[in-house]
Amino acid sequence: MGKVDKGVGCSVAGCSNQAERSISREETGGSGLSLGGEGRRVYLCRDHYKAWKKATKKSRKLERSRW
């Protein structure tokens, strides 16, 4: 059972929602989200996960094409 299942909160500053996804801190670079805390993982609520997906769509697509 991971931290998301245990009920960790969203890592974005000022957000008090429950996290639904966790991604590595490296993947959040260039997304424009103001993250608080430290560590390898970042926990995002549904709304901030959607914002991260929209902001990094092009770079993720380019990364997948390298395979």
C-alpha atoms as a PDB file:
ATOM      1  CA  MET A   1       0.000   0.000   0.000  1.00  0.00           C
ATOM      2  CA  GLY A   2       1.500   3.299  -1.118  1.00  0.00           C
ATOM      3  CA  LYS A   3       1.280   6.791   0.271  1.00  0.00           C
ATOM      4  CA  VAL A   4      -1.513   7.790  -2.121  1.00  0.00           C
ATOM      5  CA  ASP A   5      -3.686   4.978  -0.782  1.00  0.00           C
ATOM      6  CA  LYS A   6      -2.913   6.073   2.768  1.00  0.00           C
ATOM      7  CA  GLY A   7      -4.254   9.567   2.056  1.00  0.00           C
ATOM      8  CA  VAL A   8      -1.298  11.888   1.485  1.00  0.00           C
ATOM      9  CA  GLY A   9      -2.156  15.443   0.428  1.00  0.00           C
ATOM     10  CA  CYS A  10      -1.293  17.264  -2.775  1.00  0.00           C
ATOM     11  CA  SER A  11       2.290  18.612  -2.922  1.00  0.00           C
ATOM     12  CA  VAL A  12       1.345  21.865  -4.677  1.00  0.00           C
ATOM     13  CA  ALA A  13       1.650  24.906  -2.411  1.00  0.00           C
ATOM     14  CA  GLY A  14      -1.751  26.087  -1.210  1.00  0.00           C
ATOM     15  CA  CYS A  15      -3.675  22.949  -2.204  1.00  0.00           C
ATOM     16  CA  SER A  16      -5.344  20.860   0.488  1.00  0.00           C
ATOM     17  CA  ASN A  17      -6.900  18.143  -1.696  1.00  0.00           C
ATOM     18  CA  GLN A  18      -6.052  14.459  -1.399  1.00  0.00           C
ATOM     19  CA  ALA A  19      -3.439  13.184  -3.864  1.00  0.00           C
ATOM     20  CA  GLU A  20      -4.486  10.739  -6.579  1.00  0.00           C
ATOM     21  CA  ARG A  21      -1.183  10.301  -8.439  1.00  0.00           C
ATOM     22  CA  SER A  22       2.501  10.402  -7.653  1.00  0.00           C
ATOM     23  CA  ILE A  23       5.220  11.259 -10.136  1.00  0.00           C
ATOM     24  CA  SER A  24       8.945  11.852  -9.802  1.00  0.00           C
ATOM     25  CA  ARG A  25      10.121  15.349  -8.995  1.00  0.00           C
ATOM     26  CA  GLU A  26      12.257  15.351 -12.170  1.00  0.00           C
ATOM     27  CA  GLU A  27       9.161  14.947 -14.364  1.00  0.00           C
ATOM     28  CA  THR A  28       7.564  18.104 -12.957  1.00  0.00           C
ATOM     29  CA  GLY A  29      10.280  20.384 -14.352  1.00  0.00           C
ATOM     30  CA  GLY A  30       8.865  22.993 -16.694  1.00  0.00           C
ATOM     31  CA  SER A  31       5.271  22.388 -15.683  1.00  0.00           C
ATOM     32  CA  GLY A  32       4.822  25.675 -13.842  1.00  0.00           C
ATOM     33  CA  LEU A  33       3.501  24.079 -10.644  1.00  0.00           C
ATOM     34  CA  SER A  34       4.736  25.630  -7.387  1.00  0.00           C
ATOM     35  CA  LEU A  35       5.745  22.584  -5.394  1.00  0.00           C
ATOM     36  CA  GLY A  36       6.398  22.515  -1.692  1.00  0.00           C
ATOM     37  CA  GLY A  37       8.411  20.063   0.357  1.00  0.00           C
ATOM     38  CA  GLU A  38      11.316  17.850  -0.543  1.00  0.00           C
ATOM     39  CA  GLY A  39      11.900  14.307  -1.648  1.00  0.00           C
ATOM     40  CA  ARG A  40      11.943  12.261  -4.808  1.00  0.00           C
ATOM     41  CA  ARG A  41       8.189  11.936  -5.323  1.00  0.00           C
ATOM     42  CA  VAL A  42       5.546  14.598  -5.872  1.00  0.00           C
ATOM     43  CA  TYR A  43       1.925  13.878  -5.044  1.00  0.00           C
ATOM     44  CA  LEU A  44      -0.735  15.554  -7.162  1.00  0.00           C
ATOM     45  CA  CYS A  45      -4.501  15.848  -6.818  1.00  0.00           C
ATOM     46  CA  ARG A  46      -6.750  15.306  -9.807  1.00  0.00           C
ATOM     47  CA  ASP A  47      -6.829  18.972 -10.866  1.00  0.00           C
ATOM     48  CA  HIS A  48      -3.078  19.513 -10.645  1.00  0.00           C
ATOM     49  CA  TYR A  49      -2.376  16.197 -12.388  1.00  0.00           C
ATOM     50  CA  LYS A  50      -4.505  17.356 -15.325  1.00  0.00           C
ATOM     51  CA  ALA A  51      -2.661  20.691 -15.367  1.00  0.00           C
ATOM     52  CA  TRP A  52       0.699  18.866 -15.325  1.00  0.00           C
ATOM     53  CA  LYS A  53      -0.405  16.621 -18.217  1.00  0.00           C
ATOM     54  CA  LYS A  54      -1.440  19.620 -20.317  1.00  0.00           C
ATOM     55  CA  ALA A  55       1.733  21.563 -19.562  1.00  0.00           C
ATOM     56  CA  THR A  56       4.087  18.683 -20.396  1.00  0.00           C
ATOM     57  CA  LYS A  57       2.194  17.055 -23.257  1.00  0.00           C
ATOM     58  CA  LYS A  58       4.621  18.080 -25.988  1.00  0.00           C
ATOM     59  CA  SER A  59       7.780  17.128 -24.102  1.00  0.00           C
ATOM     60  CA  ARG A  60       6.328  13.751 -23.057  1.00  0.00           C
ATOM     61  CA  LYS A  61       5.386  13.050 -26.676  1.00  0.00           C
ATOM     62  CA  LEU A  62       8.936  13.827 -27.834  1.00  0.00           C
ATOM     63  CA  GLU A  63      10.352  11.614 -25.094  1.00  0.00           C
ATOM     64  CA  ARG A  64       8.174   8.678 -26.155  1.00  0.00           C
ATOM     65  CA  SER A  65       9.223   9.054 -29.788  1.00  0.00           C
ATOM     66  CA  ARG A  66      12.833   8.388 -28.823  1.00  0.00           C
ATOM     67  CA  TRP A  67      12.044   4.763 -27.977  1.00  0.00           C
END
